[in-house]
Amino acid sequence: DQMLEQFEHVEQFYFAGGEPIIMEEHYRILKELDRRKMYHVRLIY
């Protein structure tokens, strides 16, 4: 909920863990970025 309030500002996500590829939260973010067509946001893993 706190992240959603800041989504319009985001330039970069860094995914680590744990192991991000097996985390549901990671895919929640990617789907939200996809929904908003925010493909300019840099993804680092």
All heavy atoms as atom14 arrays in JSON, in Angstrom:
{
  "sequence": "DQMLEQFEHVEQFYFAGGEPIIMEEHYRILKELDRRKMYHVRLIY",
  "atom14_mask": [
    [1, 1, 1, 1, 1, 1, 1, 1, 0, 0, 0, 0, 0, 0],
    [1, 1, 1, 1, 1, 1, 1, 1, 1, 0, 0, 0, 0, 0],
    [1, 1, 1, 1, 1, 1, 1, 1, 0, 0, 0, 0, 0, 0],
    [1, 1, 1, 1, 1, 1, 1, 1, 0, 0, 0, 0, 0, 0],
    [1, 1, 1, 1, 1, 1, 1, 1, 1, 0, 0, 0, 0, 0],
    [1, 1, 1, 1, 1, 1, 1, 1, 1, 0, 0, 0, 0, 0],
    [1, 1, 1, 1, 1, 1, 1, 1, 1, 1, 1, 0, 0, 0],
    [1, 1, 1, 1, 1, 1, 1, 1, 1, 0, 0, 0, 0, 0],
    [1, 1, 1, 1, 1, 1, 1, 1, 1, 1, 0, 0, 0, 0],
    [1, 1, 1, 1, 1, 1, 1, 0, 0, 0, 0, 0, 0, 0],
    [1, 1, 1, 1, 1, 1, 1, 1, 1, 0, 0, 0, 0, 0],
    [1, 1, 1, 1, 1, 1, 1, 1, 1, 0, 0, 0, 0, 0],
    [1, 1, 1, 1, 1, 1, 1, 1, 1, 1, 1, 0, 0, 0],
    [1, 1, 1, 1, 1, 1, 1, 1, 1, 1, 1, 1, 0, 0],
    [1, 1, 1, 1, 1, 1, 1, 1, 1, 1, 1, 0, 0, 0],
    [1, 1, 1, 1, 1, 0, 0, 0, 0, 0, 0, 0, 0, 0],
    [1, 1, 1, 1, 0, 0, 0, 0, 0, 0, 0, 0, 0, 0],
    [1, 1, 1, 1, 0, 0, 0, 0, 0, 0, 0, 0, 0, 0],
    [1, 1, 1, 1, 1, 1, 1, 1, 1, 0, 0, 0, 0, 0],
    [1, 1, 1, 1, 1, 1, 1, 0, 0, 0, 0, 0, 0, 0],
    [1, 1, 1, 1, 1, 1, 1, 1, 0, 0, 0, 0, 0, 0],
    [1, 1, 1, 1, 1, 1, 1, 1, 0, 0, 0, 0, 0, 0],
    [1, 1, 1, 1, 1, 1, 1, 1, 0, 0, 0, 0, 0, 0],
    [1, 1, 1, 1, 1, 1, 1, 1, 1, 0, 0, 0, 0, 0],
    [1, 1, 1, 1, 1, 1, 1, 1, 1, 0, 0, 0, 0, 0],
    [1, 1, 1, 1, 1, 1, 1, 1, 1, 1, 0, 0, 0, 0],
    [1, 1, 1, 1, 1, 1, 1, 1, 1, 1, 1, 1, 0, 0],
    [1, 1, 1, 1, 1, 1, 1, 1, 1, 1, 1, 0, 0, 0],
    [1, 1, 1, 1, 1, 1, 1, 1, 0, 0, 0, 0, 0, 0],
    [1, 1, 1, 1, 1, 1, 1, 1, 0, 0, 0, 0, 0, 0],
    [1, 1, 1, 1, 1, 1, 1, 1, 1, 0, 0, 0, 0, 0],
    [1, 1, 1, 1, 1, 1, 1, 1, 1, 0, 0, 0, 0, 0],
    [1, 1, 1, 1, 1, 1, 1, 1, 0, 0, 0, 0, 0, 0],
    [1, 1, 1, 1, 1, 1, 1, 1, 0, 0, 0, 0, 0, 0],
    [1, 1, 1, 1, 1, 1, 1, 1, 1, 1, 1, 0, 0, 0],
    [1, 1, 1, 1, 1, 1, 1, 1, 1, 1, 1, 0, 0, 0],
    [1, 1, 1, 1, 1, 1, 1, 1, 1, 0, 0, 0, 0, 0],
    [1, 1, 1, 1, 1, 1, 1, 1, 0, 0, 0, 0, 0, 0],
    [1, 1, 1, 1, 1, 1, 1, 1, 1, 1, 1, 1, 0, 0],
    [1, 1, 1, 1, 1, 1, 1, 1, 1, 1, 0, 0, 0, 0],
    [1, 1, 1, 1, 1, 1, 1, 0, 0, 0, 0, 0, 0, 0],
    [1, 1, 1, 1, 1, 1, 1, 1, 1, 1, 1, 0, 0, 0],
    [1, 1, 1, 1, 1, 1, 1, 1, 0, 0, 0, 0, 0, 0],
    [1, 1, 1, 1, 1, 1, 1, 1, 0, 0, 0, 0, 0, 0],
    [1, 1, 1, 1, 1, 1, 1, 1, 1, 1, 1, 1, 0, 0]
  ],
  "atom14_positions": [
    [[0.83, -1.21, 0.0], [0.0, 0.0, 0.0], [0.86, 1.26, 0.0], [0.55, 2.25, -0.68], [-0.93, 0.01, 1.21], [-2.03, -1.05, 1.11], [-2.3, -1.52, -0.01], [-2.6, -1.41, 2.16], [0.0, 0.0, 0.0], [0.0, 0.0, 0.0], [0.0, 0.0, 0.0], [0.0, 0.0, 0.0], [0.0, 0.0, 0.0], [0.0, 0.0, 0.0]],
    [[1.95, 1.24, 0.75], [2.85, 2.39, 0.8], [3.59, 2.57, -0.54], [3.81, 3.7, -0.98], [3.86, 2.24, 1.94], [3.23, 2.29, 3.33], [4.28, 2.21, 4.42], [5.06, 3.13, 4.64], [4.31, 1.08, 5.11], [0.0, 0.0, 0.0], [0.0, 0.0, 0.0], [0.0, 0.0, 0.0], [0.0, 0.0, 0.0], [0.0, 0.0, 0.0]],
    [[3.94, 1.48, -1.15], [4.62, 1.55, -2.44], [3.72, 2.12, -3.52], [4.16, 2.92, -4.36], [5.11, 0.16, -2.85], [6.26, -0.38, -2.01], [6.75, -2.05, -2.47], [7.48, -1.75, -4.04], [0.0, 0.0, 0.0], [0.0, 0.0, 0.0], [0.0, 0.0, 0.0], [0.0, 0.0, 0.0], [0.0, 0.0, 0.0], [0.0, 0.0, 0.0]],
    [[2.45, 1.73, -3.51], [1.51, 2.21, -4.52], [1.41, 3.73, -4.51], [1.24, 4.37, -5.56], [0.13, 1.59, -4.31], [-0.07, 0.16, -4.82], [-1.47, -0.33, -4.49], [0.17, 0.07, -6.33], [0.0, 0.0, 0.0], [0.0, 0.0, 0.0], [0.0, 0.0, 0.0], [0.0, 0.0, 0.0], [0.0, 0.0, 0.0], [0.0, 0.0, 0.0]],
    [[1.5, 4.33, -3.34], [1.43, 5.78, -3.22], [2.62, 6.47, -3.88], [2.55, 7.65, -4.22], [1.35, 6.18, -1.74], [0.08, 5.72, -1.04], [0.08, 6.07, 0.44], [1.09, 6.65, 0.91], [-0.9, 5.75, 1.14], [0.0, 0.0, 0.0], [0.0, 0.0, 0.0], [0.0, 0.0, 0.0], [0.0, 0.0, 0.0], [0.0, 0.0, 0.0]],
    [[3.7, 5.73, -4.05], [4.93, 6.3, -4.6], [5.23, 5.81, -6.02], [6.23, 6.21, -6.61], [6.11, 5.93, -3.7], [6.08, 6.56, -2.32], [6.59, 8.0, -2.32], [7.43, 8.37, -3.13], [6.09, 8.82, -1.43], [0.0, 0.0, 0.0], [0.0, 0.0, 0.0], [0.0, 0.0, 0.0], [0.0, 0.0, 0.0], [0.0, 0.0, 0.0]],
    [[4.37, 5.0, -6.58], [4.65, 4.35, -7.85], [4.97, 5.34, -8.97], [5.8, 5.08, -9.83], [3.5, 3.45, -8.26], [3.89, 2.01, -8.42], [4.08, 1.2, -7.3], [4.1, 1.46, -9.67], [4.45, -0.13, -7.43], [4.48, 0.13, -9.82], [4.66, -0.67, -8.7], [0.0, 0.0, 0.0], [0.0, 0.0, 0.0], [0.0, 0.0, 0.0]],
    [[4.29, 6.47, -8.98], [4.47, 7.44, -10.07], [5.88, 8.02, -10.09], [6.34, 8.53, -11.12], [3.46, 8.57, -9.94], [3.6, 9.39, -8.65], [2.57, 10.46, -8.51], [2.6, 11.41, -9.31], [1.72, 10.35, -7.6], [0.0, 0.0, 0.0], [0.0, 0.0, 0.0], [0.0, 0.0, 0.0], [0.0, 0.0, 0.0], [0.0, 0.0, 0.0]],
    [[6.59, 7.94, -8.95], [7.92, 8.54, -8.84], [9.05, 7.56, -9.17], [10.18, 7.99, -9.4], [8.16, 9.08, -7.42], [7.14, 10.06, -6.95], [6.9, 11.25, -7.59], [6.29, 10.02, -5.89], [5.95, 11.91, -6.95], [5.56, 11.18, -5.92], [0.0, 0.0, 0.0], [0.0, 0.0, 0.0], [0.0, 0.0, 0.0], [0.0, 0.0, 0.0]],
    [[8.77, 6.28, -9.19], [9.82, 5.28, -9.21], [10.63, 5.32, -10.5], [10.1, 5.46, -11.61], [9.25, 3.86, -8.97], [8.38, 3.4, -10.13], [10.37, 2.86, -8.72], [0.0, 0.0, 0.0], [0.0, 0.0, 0.0], [0.0, 0.0, 0.0], [0.0, 0.0, 0.0], [0.0, 0.0, 0.0], [0.0, 0.0, 0.0], [0.0, 0.0, 0.0]],
    [[11.95, 5.21, -10.36], [12.87, 5.12, -11.48], [13.53, 3.75, -11.54], [13.92, 3.31, -12.62], [13.97, 6.19, -11.37], [13.48, 7.62, -11.49], [14.62, 8.62, -11.4], [15.79, 8.21, -11.28], [14.33, 9.83, -11.41], [0.0, 0.0, 0.0], [0.0, 0.0, 0.0], [0.0, 0.0, 0.0], [0.0, 0.0, 0.0], [0.0, 0.0, 0.0]],
    [[13.63, 3.11, -10.38], [14.38, 1.86, -10.35], [13.91, 0.96, -9.22], [13.63, 1.42, -8.12], [15.87, 2.18, -10.17], [16.8, 0.98, -10.11], [18.26, 1.41, -10.15], [18.71, 2.03, -11.11], [19.01, 1.07, -9.11], [0.0, 0.0, 0.0], [0.0, 0.0, 0.0], [0.0, 0.0, 0.0], [0.0, 0.0, 0.0], [0.0, 0.0, 0.0]],
    [[13.8, -0.32, -9.51], [13.56, -1.35, -8.51], [14.79, -2.26, -8.44], [15.32, -2.67, -9.47], [12.34, -2.21, -8.86], [11.03, -1.61, -8.49], [10.2, -1.08, -9.46], [10.61, -1.58, -7.17], [8.98, -0.53, -9.13], [9.38, -1.02, -6.83], [8.57, -0.5, -7.82], [0.0, 0.0, 0.0], [0.0, 0.0, 0.0], [0.0, 0.0, 0.0]],
    [[15.18, -2.58, -7.24], [16.23, -3.55, -7.01], [15.62, -4.74, -6.3], [15.05, -4.6, -5.21], [17.36, -2.95, -6.18], [18.51, -3.92, -5.92], [19.42, -4.22, -6.92], [18.68, -4.5, -4.68], [20.47, -5.09, -6.69], [19.73, -5.38, -4.43], [20.62, -5.67, -5.45], [21.66, -6.54, -5.21], [0.0, 0.0, 0.0], [0.0, 0.0, 0.0]],
    [[15.7, -5.91, -6.9], [15.11, -7.12, -6.35], [16.21, -8.04, -5.83], [17.09, -8.48, -6.57], [14.28, -7.85, -7.39], [13.1, -7.07, -7.91], [13.12, -6.51, -9.18], [11.98, -6.88, -7.11], [12.02, -5.8, -9.66], [10.88, -6.15, -7.58], [10.91, -5.62, -8.86], [0.0, 0.0, 0.0], [0.0, 0.0, 0.0], [0.0, 0.0, 0.0]],
    [[16.11, -8.35, -4.56], [17.04, -9.29, -3.94], [16.28, -10.02, -2.85], [15.05, -9.96, -2.8], [18.27, -8.56, -3.4], [0.0, 0.0, 0.0], [0.0, 0.0, 0.0], [0.0, 0.0, 0.0], [0.0, 0.0, 0.0], [0.0, 0.0, 0.0], [0.0, 0.0, 0.0], [0.0, 0.0, 0.0], [0.0, 0.0, 0.0], [0.0, 0.0, 0.0]],
    [[16.95, -10.69, -2.03], [16.21, -11.47, -1.04], [16.95, -11.82, 0.19], [17.76, -11.02, 0.65], [0.0, 0.0, 0.0], [0.0, 0.0, 0.0], [0.0, 0.0, 0.0], [0.0, 0.0, 0.0], [0.0, 0.0, 0.0], [0.0, 0.0, 0.0], [0.0, 0.0, 0.0], [0.0, 0.0, 0.0], [0.0, 0.0, 0.0], [0.0, 0.0, 0.0]],
    [[16.72, -13.1, 0.56], [16.02, -14.14, -0.17], [16.35, -14.29, -1.66], [17.34, -13.79, -2.13], [0.0, 0.0, 0.0], [0.0, 0.0, 0.0], [0.0, 0.0, 0.0], [0.0, 0.0, 0.0], [0.0, 0.0, 0.0], [0.0, 0.0, 0.0], [0.0, 0.0, 0.0], [0.0, 0.0, 0.0], [0.0, 0.0, 0.0], [0.0, 0.0, 0.0]],
    [[15.43, -14.98, -2.32], [15.54, -15.16, -3.77], [14.32, -14.56, -4.42], [13.21, -15.1, -4.33], [15.68, -16.64, -4.11], [15.59, -16.96, -5.6], [16.49, -16.06, -6.44], [17.68, -15.85, -6.08], [16.0, -15.54, -7.48], [0.0, 0.0, 0.0], [0.0, 0.0, 0.0], [0.0, 0.0, 0.0], [0.0, 0.0, 0.0], [0.0, 0.0, 0.0]],
    [[14.46, -13.41, -5.12], [13.3, -12.69, -5.65], [12.49, -13.45, -6.69], [11.28, -13.24, -6.8], [13.91, -11.42, -6.25], [15.35, -11.78, -6.51], [15.73, -12.72, -5.42], [0.0, 0.0, 0.0], [0.0, 0.0, 0.0], [0.0, 0.0, 0.0], [0.0, 0.0, 0.0], [0.0, 0.0, 0.0], [0.0, 0.0, 0.0], [0.0, 0.0, 0.0]],
    [[13.14, -14.33, -7.45], [12.44, -15.02, -8.53], [11.37, -15.97, -8.01], [10.45, -16.35, -8.74], [13.44, -15.75, -9.45], [14.49, -14.78, -9.98], [12.73, -16.43, -10.63], [13.94, -13.6, -10.76], [0.0, 0.0, 0.0], [0.0, 0.0, 0.0], [0.0, 0.0, 0.0], [0.0, 0.0, 0.0], [0.0, 0.0, 0.0], [0.0, 0.0, 0.0]],
    [[11.42, -16.34, -6.74], [10.4, -17.23, -6.17], [9.47, -16.49, -5.21], [8.7, -17.13, -4.49], [11.03, -18.46, -5.48], [11.88, -18.05, -4.27], [11.87, -19.27, -6.45], [12.39, -19.23, -3.44], [0.0, 0.0, 0.0], [0.0, 0.0, 0.0], [0.0, 0.0, 0.0], [0.0, 0.0, 0.0], [0.0, 0.0, 0.0], [0.0, 0.0, 0.0]],
    [[9.51, -15.16, -5.23], [8.67, -14.36, -4.35], [7.46, -13.8, -5.08], [7.6, -13.17, -6.14], [9.46, -13.2, -3.74], [10.52, -13.6, -2.76], [11.32, -12.15, -2.03], [12.65, -12.93, -1.1], [0.0, 0.0, 0.0], [0.0, 0.0, 0.0], [0.0, 0.0, 0.0], [0.0, 0.0, 0.0], [0.0, 0.0, 0.0], [0.0, 0.0, 0.0]],
    [[6.27, -13.99, -4.53], [5.05, -13.48, -5.12], [5.06, -11.96, -5.23], [4.57, -11.38, -6.2], [3.85, -13.93, -4.3], [2.51, -13.52, -4.89], [1.33, -14.03, -4.09], [1.56, -14.79, -3.12], [0.18, -13.68, -4.44], [0.0, 0.0, 0.0], [0.0, 0.0, 0.0], [0.0, 0.0, 0.0], [0.0, 0.0, 0.0], [0.0, 0.0, 0.0]],
    [[5.65, -11.27, -4.24], [5.67, -9.81, -4.22], [6.4, -9.25, -5.45], [6.02, -8.21, -5.99], [6.34, -9.3, -2.95], [5.59, -9.62, -1.66], [5.97, -10.95, -1.06], [6.65, -11.76, -1.75], [5.63, -11.19, 0.11], [0.0, 0.0, 0.0], [0.0, 0.0, 0.0], [0.0, 0.0, 0.0], [0.0, 0.0, 0.0], [0.0, 0.0, 0.0]],
    [[7.43, -9.92, -5.85], [8.19, -9.48, -7.03], [7.3, -9.42, -8.26], [7.34, -8.45, -9.04], [9.37, -10.45, -7.22], [9.92, -10.48, -8.61], [9.76, -11.56, -9.45], [10.63, -9.56, -9.31], [10.36, -11.31, -10.61], [10.9, -10.11, -10.55], [0.0, 0.0, 0.0], [0.0, 0.0, 0.0], [0.0, 0.0, 0.0], [0.0, 0.0, 0.0]],
    [[6.49, -10.45, -8.46], [5.61, -10.49, -9.64], [4.46, -9.51, -9.52], [3.95, -9.0, -10.53], [5.12, -11.92, -9.86], [6.25, -12.85, -10.2], [6.89, -13.58, -9.2], [6.75, -12.93, -11.49], [7.97, -14.4, -9.5], [7.82, -13.75, -11.8], [8.43, -14.47, -10.8], [9.52, -15.27, -11.09], [0.0, 0.0, 0.0], [0.0, 0.0, 0.0]],
    [[4.06, -9.2, -8.3], [3.03, -8.19, -8.09], [3.49, -6.84, -8.61], [2.74, -6.09, -9.24], [2.69, -8.11, -6.6], [1.39, -7.42, -6.26], [1.11, -7.57, -4.78], [-0.2, -7.04, -4.42], [-0.69, -7.05, -3.18], [0.03, -7.57, -2.2], [-1.9, -6.55, -2.94], [0.0, 0.0, 0.0], [0.0, 0.0, 0.0], [0.0, 0.0, 0.0]],
    [[4.76, -6.52, -8.37], [5.34, -5.27, -8.84], [5.45, -5.26, -10.36], [5.06, -4.29, -11.02], [6.72, -5.03, -8.2], [6.55, -4.71, -6.71], [7.46, -3.89, -8.9], [7.85, -4.67, -5.95], [0.0, 0.0, 0.0], [0.0, 0.0, 0.0], [0.0, 0.0, 0.0], [0.0, 0.0, 0.0], [0.0, 0.0, 0.0], [0.0, 0.0, 0.0]],
    [[5.97, -6.34, -10.94], [6.12, -6.4, -12.39], [4.77, -6.27, -13.09], [4.65, -5.6, -14.12], [6.8, -7.69, -12.81], [8.27, -7.9, -12.4], [8.87, -9.08, -13.18], [9.09, -6.65, -12.62], [0.0, 0.0, 0.0], [0.0, 0.0, 0.0], [0.0, 0.0, 0.0], [0.0, 0.0, 0.0], [0.0, 0.0, 0.0], [0.0, 0.0, 0.0]],
    [[3.74, -6.9, -12.55], [2.42, -6.82, -13.15], [1.85, -5.41, -13.06], [1.18, -4.95, -13.98], [1.48, -7.84, -12.49], [1.79, -9.29, -12.86], [0.83, -10.25, -12.18], [1.11, -11.69, -12.58], [0.17, -12.65, -11.92], [0.0, 0.0, 0.0], [0.0, 0.0, 0.0], [0.0, 0.0, 0.0], [0.0, 0.0, 0.0], [0.0, 0.0, 0.0]],
    [[2.1, -4.72, -11.94], [1.63, -3.34, -11.8], [2.35, -2.42, -12.77], [1.74, -1.54, -13.38], [1.83, -2.86, -10.36], [1.31, -1.44, -10.09], [-0.19, -1.3, -10.22], [-0.9, -2.33, -10.17], [-0.67, -0.15, -10.37], [0.0, 0.0, 0.0], [0.0, 0.0, 0.0], [0.0, 0.0, 0.0], [0.0, 0.0, 0.0], [0.0, 0.0, 0.0]],
    [[3.65, -2.61, -12.92], [4.4, -1.82, -13.9], [3.89, -2.1, -15.32], [3.77, -1.19, -16.13], [5.9, -2.16, -13.8], [6.63, -1.68, -12.54], [8.04, -2.27, -12.5], [6.7, -0.16, -12.48], [0.0, 0.0, 0.0], [0.0, 0.0, 0.0], [0.0, 0.0, 0.0], [0.0, 0.0, 0.0], [0.0, 0.0, 0.0], [0.0, 0.0, 0.0]],
    [[3.59, -3.35, -15.59], [3.06, -3.73, -16.9], [1.7, -3.1, -17.13], [1.4, -2.56, -18.21], [2.98, -5.26, -16.98], [2.6, -5.76, -18.38], [2.84, -5.04, -19.37], [2.08, -6.9, -18.46], [0.0, 0.0, 0.0], [0.0, 0.0, 0.0], [0.0, 0.0, 0.0], [0.0, 0.0, 0.0], [0.0, 0.0, 0.0], [0.0, 0.0, 0.0]],
    [[0.86, -3.12, -16.12], [-0.49, -2.54, -16.22], [-0.42, -1.05, -16.54], [-1.2, -0.53, -17.34], [-1.26, -2.77, -14.92], [-2.72, -2.33, -14.98], [-3.39, -2.47, -13.63], [-2.95, -1.48, -12.68], [-3.41, -0.21, -12.62], [-4.31, 0.23, -13.49], [-2.95, 0.62, -11.7], [0.0, 0.0, 0.0], [0.0, 0.0, 0.0], [0.0, 0.0, 0.0]],
    [[0.53, -0.37, -15.89], [0.7, 1.08, -16.11], [1.57, 1.4, -17.32], [1.78, 2.57, -17.63], [1.31, 1.72, -14.86], [0.49, 1.59, -13.59], [1.16, 2.31, -12.44], [0.46, 2.15, -11.18], [0.34, 3.11, -10.28], [0.86, 4.31, -10.5], [-0.32, 2.88, -9.14], [0.0, 0.0, 0.0], [0.0, 0.0, 0.0], [0.0, 0.0, 0.0]],
    [[2.11, 0.35, -17.95], [3.01, 0.5, -19.09], [4.24, 1.36, -18.74], [4.73, 2.16, -19.53], [2.28, 1.07, -20.3], [1.11, 0.2, -20.78], [0.53, 0.68, -22.08], [-0.68, -0.14, -22.5], [-0.44, -1.62, -22.54], [0.0, 0.0, 0.0], [0.0, 0.0, 0.0], [0.0, 0.0, 0.0], [0.0, 0.0, 0.0], [0.0, 0.0, 0.0]],
    [[4.74, 1.15, -17.53], [5.92, 1.87, -17.05], [7.17, 1.07, -17.39], [7.96, 0.69, -16.52], [5.8, 2.13, -15.55], [4.68, 3.07, -15.16], [4.44, 3.25, -13.36], [6.0, 4.02, -12.87], [0.0, 0.0, 0.0], [0.0, 0.0, 0.0], [0.0, 0.0, 0.0], [0.0, 0.0, 0.0], [0.0, 0.0, 0.0], [0.0, 0.0, 0.0]],
    [[7.39, 0.87, -18.67], [8.5, 0.03, -19.12], [9.84, 0.75, -19.06], [10.89, 0.13, -19.25], [8.22, -0.48, -20.54], [6.94, -1.27, -20.66], [5.94, -0.88, -21.55], [6.72, -2.38, -19.86], [4.75, -1.6, -21.64], [5.54, -3.11, -19.95], [4.56, -2.71, -20.84], [3.38, -3.43, -20.93], [0.0, 0.0, 0.0], [0.0, 0.0, 0.0]],
    [[9.79, 2.05, -18.78], [11.02, 2.82, -18.64], [11.71, 2.57, -17.3], [12.91, 2.88, -17.16], [10.73, 4.31, -18.75], [9.85, 4.83, -17.63], [8.49, 4.64, -17.61], [10.15, 5.5, -16.47], [7.98, 5.18, -16.52], [8.97, 5.69, -15.8], [0.0, 0.0, 0.0], [0.0, 0.0, 0.0], [0.0, 0.0, 0.0], [0.0, 0.0, 0.0]],
    [[10.98, 2.05, -16.32], [11.55, 1.8, -15.0], [12.64, 0.73, -15.11], [12.44, -0.33, -15.71], [10.46, 1.36, -14.0], [11.08, 0.93, -12.67], [9.46, 2.5, -13.79], [0.0, 0.0, 0.0], [0.0, 0.0, 0.0], [0.0, 0.0, 0.0], [0.0, 0.0, 0.0], [0.0, 0.0, 0.0], [0.0, 0.0, 0.0], [0.0, 0.0, 0.0]],
    [[13.77, 1.02, -14.51], [14.89, 0.09, -14.57], [14.73, -1.02, -13.52], [14.41, -0.74, -12.37], [16.21, 0.83, -14.34], [17.43, -0.03, -14.65], [18.72, 0.75, -14.39], [19.86, -0.05, -14.8], [21.1, 0.16, -14.39], [21.35, 1.17, -13.54], [22.09, -0.6, -14.8], [0.0, 0.0, 0.0], [0.0, 0.0, 0.0], [0.0, 0.0, 0.0]],
    [[14.94, -2.25, -13.95], [14.85, -3.4, -13.06], [16.24, -3.98, -12.86], [16.92, -4.33, -13.83], [13.92, -4.47, -13.64], [12.52, -4.03, -14.09], [11.77, -5.22, -14.67], [11.75, -3.4, -12.93], [0.0, 0.0, 0.0], [0.0, 0.0, 0.0], [0.0, 0.0, 0.0], [0.0, 0.0, 0.0], [0.0, 0.0, 0.0], [0.0, 0.0, 0.0]],
    [[16.66, -4.1, -11.62], [17.97, -4.67, -11.3], [17.76, -5.83, -10.33], [16.98, -5.73, -9.38], [18.9, -3.62, -10.67], [19.08, -2.45, -11.63], [20.26, -4.22, -10.36], [19.94, -1.34, -11.08], [0.0, 0.0, 0.0], [0.0, 0.0, 0.0], [0.0, 0.0, 0.0], [0.0, 0.0, 0.0], [0.0, 0.0, 0.0], [0.0, 0.0, 0.0]],
    [[18.48, -6.9, -10.57], [18.3, -8.11, -9.78], [19.61, -8.61, -9.18], [20.68, -8.54, -9.8], [17.75, -9.25, -10.65], [16.32, -9.1, -11.07], [15.96, -8.25, -12.11], [15.3, -9.81, -10.42], [14.64, -8.12, -12.51], [13.98, -9.69, -10.82], [13.65, -8.84, -11.85], [12.34, -8.72, -12.25], [0.0, 0.0, 0.0], [0.0, 0.0, 0.0]]
  ]
}
